[in-house]
């Protein structure tokens, strides 16, 4: 019935809100978000550097690439942790 569908929809919305608030409080999720933002920022910077292609930028590029590799590893590890935490909710 329509009434039952509405009730189920309300429950689903409430569960999603609770999930979002749990995630906002979650340290791993906060870290994951920060790392994703930093990763995107570094990827953009590396892209800009490869366009300018100055030799003096090689050291900077190397540092950024190293940080990017580290972030990618962290992000994928955190993604697994978060998936497991979400399953437990």
N, C-alpha and C. Protein backbone atom coordinates (compact mmCIF):
# COMPACT_ATOMS: atom_id res chain seq x y z
N UNK A 1 0.83 -1.20 0.00
CA UNK A 1 0.00 0.00 0.00
C UNK A 1 0.87 1.26 0.00
N UNK A 2 0.25 2.36 -0.36
CA UNK A 2 0.96 3.64 -0.44
C UNK A 2 1.49 4.06 0.93
N UNK A 3 0.68 3.83 1.95
CA UNK A 3 1.06 4.19 3.32
C UNK A 3 2.31 3.42 3.76
N UNK A 4 2.33 2.15 3.42
CA UNK A 4 3.47 1.30 3.78
C UNK A 4 4.74 1.76 3.05
N UNK A 5 4.59 2.11 1.78
CA UNK A 5 5.73 2.60 1.00
C UNK A 5 6.30 3.88 1.62
N UNK A 6 5.41 4.78 2.03
CA UNK A 6 5.84 6.02 2.67
C UNK A 6 6.60 5.74 3.96
N UNK A 7 6.08 4.80 4.74
CA UNK A 7 6.72 4.45 6.00
C UNK A 7 8.11 3.86 5.75
N UNK A 8 8.21 2.98 4.76
CA UNK A 8 9.50 2.38 4.41
C UNK A 8 10.48 3.44 3.93
N UNK A 9 9.99 4.38 3.15
CA UNK A 9 10.82 5.48 2.64
C UNK A 9 11.35 6.33 3.79
N UNK A 10 10.49 6.63 4.77
CA UNK A 10 10.91 7.41 5.93
C UNK A 10 11.99 6.68 6.72
N UNK A 11 11.80 5.39 6.89
CA UNK A 11 12.79 4.58 7.62
C UNK A 11 14.12 4.59 6.87
N UNK A 12 14.04 4.42 5.56
CA UNK A 12 15.26 4.42 4.74
C UNK A 12 15.98 5.76 4.84
N UNK A 13 15.24 6.86 4.76
CA UNK A 13 15.84 8.19 4.88
C UNK A 13 16.48 8.39 6.24
N UNK A 14 15.82 7.92 7.27
CA UNK A 14 16.34 8.04 8.63
C UNK A 14 17.64 7.25 8.75
N UNK A 15 17.66 6.03 8.20
CA UNK A 15 18.86 5.20 8.24
C UNK A 15 20.01 5.87 7.50
N UNK A 16 19.72 6.46 6.35
CA UNK A 16 20.77 7.15 5.58
C UNK A 16 21.32 8.34 6.35
N UNK A 17 20.43 9.10 7.01
CA UNK A 17 20.87 10.24 7.82
C UNK A 17 21.76 9.77 8.96
N UNK A 18 21.34 8.68 9.62
CA UNK A 18 22.13 8.15 10.72
C UNK A 18 23.50 7.70 10.22
N UNK A 19 23.51 7.04 9.08
CA UNK A 19 24.76 6.56 8.49
C UNK A 19 25.69 7.74 8.20
N UNK A 20 25.13 8.79 7.60
CA UNK A 20 25.95 9.97 7.29
C UNK A 20 26.51 10.60 8.56
N UNK A 21 25.69 10.67 9.61
CA UNK A 21 26.18 11.30 10.84
C UNK A 21 27.24 10.42 11.50
N UNK A 22 27.08 9.12 11.43
CA UNK A 22 28.10 8.21 11.96
C UNK A 22 29.40 8.41 11.19
N UNK A 23 29.29 8.49 9.87
CA UNK A 23 30.49 8.67 9.05
C UNK A 23 31.17 10.01 9.32
N UNK A 24 30.37 11.06 9.53
CA UNK A 24 30.96 12.37 9.82
C UNK A 24 31.78 12.32 11.10
N UNK A 25 31.31 11.53 12.07
CA UNK A 25 32.01 11.40 13.35
C UNK A 25 33.21 10.46 13.23
N UNK A 26 33.23 9.69 12.17
CA UNK A 26 34.23 8.64 12.02
C UNK A 26 35.58 9.23 11.61
N UNK A 27 36.58 8.96 12.42
CA UNK A 27 37.93 9.46 12.19
C UNK A 27 38.49 8.96 10.85
N UNK A 28 38.27 7.69 10.55
CA UNK A 28 38.77 7.13 9.30
C UNK A 28 38.13 7.80 8.09
N UNK A 29 36.85 8.10 8.22
CA UNK A 29 36.16 8.76 7.11
C UNK A 29 36.69 10.18 6.91
N UNK A 30 36.95 10.87 8.02
CA UNK A 30 37.50 12.23 7.92
C UNK A 30 38.87 12.19 7.25
N UNK A 31 39.68 11.22 7.66
CA UNK A 31 41.01 11.06 7.07
C UNK A 31 40.89 10.74 5.58
N UNK A 32 39.98 9.82 5.27
CA UNK A 32 39.74 9.40 3.89
C UNK A 32 39.38 10.62 3.03
N UNK A 33 38.48 11.45 3.53
CA UNK A 33 38.07 12.65 2.79
C UNK A 33 39.23 13.60 2.57
N UNK A 34 40.00 13.83 3.63
CA UNK A 34 41.17 14.73 3.51
C UNK A 34 42.17 14.19 2.50
N UNK A 35 42.45 12.89 2.58
CA UNK A 35 43.43 12.28 1.68
C UNK A 35 42.95 12.35 0.23
N UNK A 36 41.66 12.12 0.02
CA UNK A 36 41.11 12.20 -1.34
C UNK A 36 41.27 13.61 -1.91
N UNK A 37 40.98 14.60 -1.08
CA UNK A 37 41.13 16.00 -1.53
C UNK A 37 42.58 16.31 -1.85
N UNK A 38 43.49 15.87 -0.97
CA UNK A 38 44.91 16.13 -1.19
C UNK A 38 45.39 15.42 -2.45
N UNK A 39 44.92 14.19 -2.63
CA UNK A 39 45.30 13.39 -3.81
C UNK A 39 44.88 14.11 -5.09
N UNK A 40 43.64 14.60 -5.11
CA UNK A 40 43.15 15.33 -6.29
C UNK A 40 43.98 16.59 -6.54
N UNK A 41 44.31 17.28 -5.46
CA UNK A 41 45.09 18.50 -5.56
C UNK A 41 46.48 18.22 -6.12
N UNK A 42 47.12 17.16 -5.64
CA UNK A 42 48.45 16.79 -6.13
C UNK A 42 48.39 16.36 -7.59
N UNK A 43 47.35 15.58 -7.93
CA UNK A 43 47.21 15.14 -9.33
C UNK A 43 47.08 16.35 -10.25
N UNK A 44 46.33 17.35 -9.81
CA UNK A 44 46.16 18.56 -10.61
C UNK A 44 47.49 19.31 -10.72
N UNK A 45 48.21 19.42 -9.60
CA UNK A 45 49.49 20.11 -9.60
C UNK A 45 50.49 19.40 -10.51
N UNK A 46 50.51 18.06 -10.43
CA UNK A 46 51.41 17.29 -11.29
C UNK A 46 51.06 17.49 -12.76
N UNK A 47 49.78 17.54 -13.03
CA UNK A 47 49.32 17.77 -14.39
C UNK A 47 49.78 19.13 -14.89
N UNK A 48 49.63 20.14 -14.04
CA UNK A 48 50.09 21.49 -14.39
C UNK A 48 51.60 21.52 -14.62
N UNK A 49 52.34 20.80 -13.76
CA UNK A 49 53.80 20.75 -13.90
C UNK A 49 54.21 20.08 -15.20
N UNK A 50 53.50 19.01 -15.57
CA UNK A 50 53.88 18.30 -16.80
C UNK A 50 53.58 19.14 -18.03
N UNK A 51 52.60 20.05 -17.90
CA UNK A 51 52.31 20.96 -19.01
C UNK A 51 53.43 22.00 -19.13
N UNK A 52 53.84 22.57 -17.97
CA UNK A 52 54.91 23.57 -18.01
C UNK A 52 56.26 22.92 -18.33
N UNK A 53 56.45 21.69 -17.84
CA UNK A 53 57.62 20.86 -18.16
C UNK A 53 58.96 21.58 -17.98
N UNK A 54 59.12 22.26 -16.86
CA UNK A 54 60.41 22.89 -16.58
C UNK A 54 61.33 21.92 -15.87
N UNK A 55 62.59 21.89 -16.24
CA UNK A 55 63.54 20.96 -15.62
C UNK A 55 63.72 21.26 -14.13
N UNK A 56 63.65 22.53 -13.77
CA UNK A 56 63.84 22.89 -12.36
C UNK A 56 62.73 22.33 -11.47
N UNK A 57 61.65 21.89 -12.09
CA UNK A 57 60.51 21.36 -11.34
C UNK A 57 60.65 19.87 -11.04
N UNK A 58 61.71 19.23 -11.57
CA UNK A 58 61.85 17.78 -11.42
C UNK A 58 61.85 17.32 -9.96
N UNK A 59 62.58 18.04 -9.11
CA UNK A 59 62.64 17.68 -7.69
C UNK A 59 61.28 17.78 -7.03
N UNK A 60 60.59 18.85 -7.35
CA UNK A 60 59.25 19.07 -6.80
C UNK A 60 58.30 17.97 -7.28
N UNK A 61 58.43 17.66 -8.58
CA UNK A 61 57.60 16.64 -9.20
C UNK A 61 57.81 15.29 -8.51
N UNK A 62 59.08 14.97 -8.27
CA UNK A 62 59.42 13.70 -7.63
C UNK A 62 58.79 13.61 -6.23
N UNK A 63 58.89 14.71 -5.48
CA UNK A 63 58.30 14.75 -4.13
C UNK A 63 56.79 14.55 -4.19
N UNK A 64 56.17 15.23 -5.14
CA UNK A 64 54.72 15.13 -5.28
C UNK A 64 54.31 13.71 -5.68
N UNK A 65 55.07 13.11 -6.60
CA UNK A 65 54.75 11.75 -7.04
C UNK A 65 54.88 10.76 -5.88
N UNK A 66 55.90 10.97 -5.05
CA UNK A 66 56.10 10.10 -3.89
C UNK A 66 54.92 10.25 -2.93
N UNK A 67 54.52 11.50 -2.66
CA UNK A 67 53.39 11.76 -1.76
C UNK A 67 52.10 11.17 -2.35
N UNK A 68 51.96 11.28 -3.66
CA UNK A 68 50.77 10.76 -4.33
C UNK A 68 50.69 9.23 -4.19
N UNK A 69 51.81 8.55 -4.38
CA UNK A 69 51.83 7.08 -4.20
C UNK A 69 51.41 6.72 -2.79
N UNK A 70 51.95 7.45 -1.82
CA UNK A 70 51.61 7.21 -0.41
C UNK A 70 50.11 7.43 -0.17
N UNK A 71 49.58 8.53 -0.70
CA UNK A 71 48.16 8.84 -0.52
C UNK A 71 47.27 7.78 -1.15
N UNK A 72 47.64 7.33 -2.35
CA UNK A 72 46.83 6.31 -3.03
C UNK A 72 46.75 5.04 -2.19
N UNK A 73 47.89 4.67 -1.59
CA UNK A 73 47.94 3.49 -0.73
C UNK A 73 47.04 3.71 0.49
N UNK A 74 47.19 4.87 1.13
CA UNK A 74 46.38 5.20 2.31
C UNK A 74 44.88 5.19 1.97
N UNK A 75 44.54 5.81 0.85
CA UNK A 75 43.13 5.91 0.45
C UNK A 75 42.55 4.51 0.23
N UNK A 76 43.30 3.64 -0.45
CA UNK A 76 42.74 2.31 -0.70
C UNK A 76 42.64 1.49 0.58
N UNK A 77 43.60 1.66 1.50
CA UNK A 77 43.51 0.96 2.79
C UNK A 77 42.32 1.48 3.60
N UNK A 78 42.15 2.79 3.62
CA UNK A 78 41.03 3.38 4.36
C UNK A 78 39.69 2.98 3.74
N UNK A 79 39.65 2.87 2.42
CA UNK A 79 38.40 2.46 1.75
C UNK A 79 37.98 1.08 2.23
N UNK A 80 38.95 0.18 2.35
CA UNK A 80 38.66 -1.19 2.82
C UNK A 80 38.17 -1.15 4.27
N UNK A 81 38.87 -0.39 5.10
CA UNK A 81 38.48 -0.26 6.51
C UNK A 81 37.05 0.28 6.62
N UNK A 82 36.76 1.32 5.84
CA UNK A 82 35.43 1.94 5.89
C UNK A 82 34.35 0.97 5.41
N UNK A 83 34.65 0.22 4.35
CA UNK A 83 33.67 -0.75 3.86
C UNK A 83 33.34 -1.76 4.96
N UNK A 84 34.37 -2.21 5.66
CA UNK A 84 34.15 -3.17 6.74
C UNK A 84 33.38 -2.54 7.90
N UNK A 85 33.69 -1.29 8.22
CA UNK A 85 32.97 -0.60 9.30
C UNK A 85 31.50 -0.40 8.93
N UNK A 86 31.25 -0.08 7.68
CA UNK A 86 29.87 0.14 7.23
C UNK A 86 29.08 -1.17 7.31
N UNK A 87 29.72 -2.28 6.95
CA UNK A 87 29.04 -3.58 7.03
C UNK A 87 28.60 -3.88 8.46
N UNK A 88 29.39 -3.41 9.43
CA UNK A 88 29.08 -3.69 10.83
C UNK A 88 27.95 -2.82 11.37
N UNK A 89 27.63 -1.73 10.68
CA UNK A 89 26.58 -0.82 11.18
C UNK A 89 25.21 -1.44 11.06
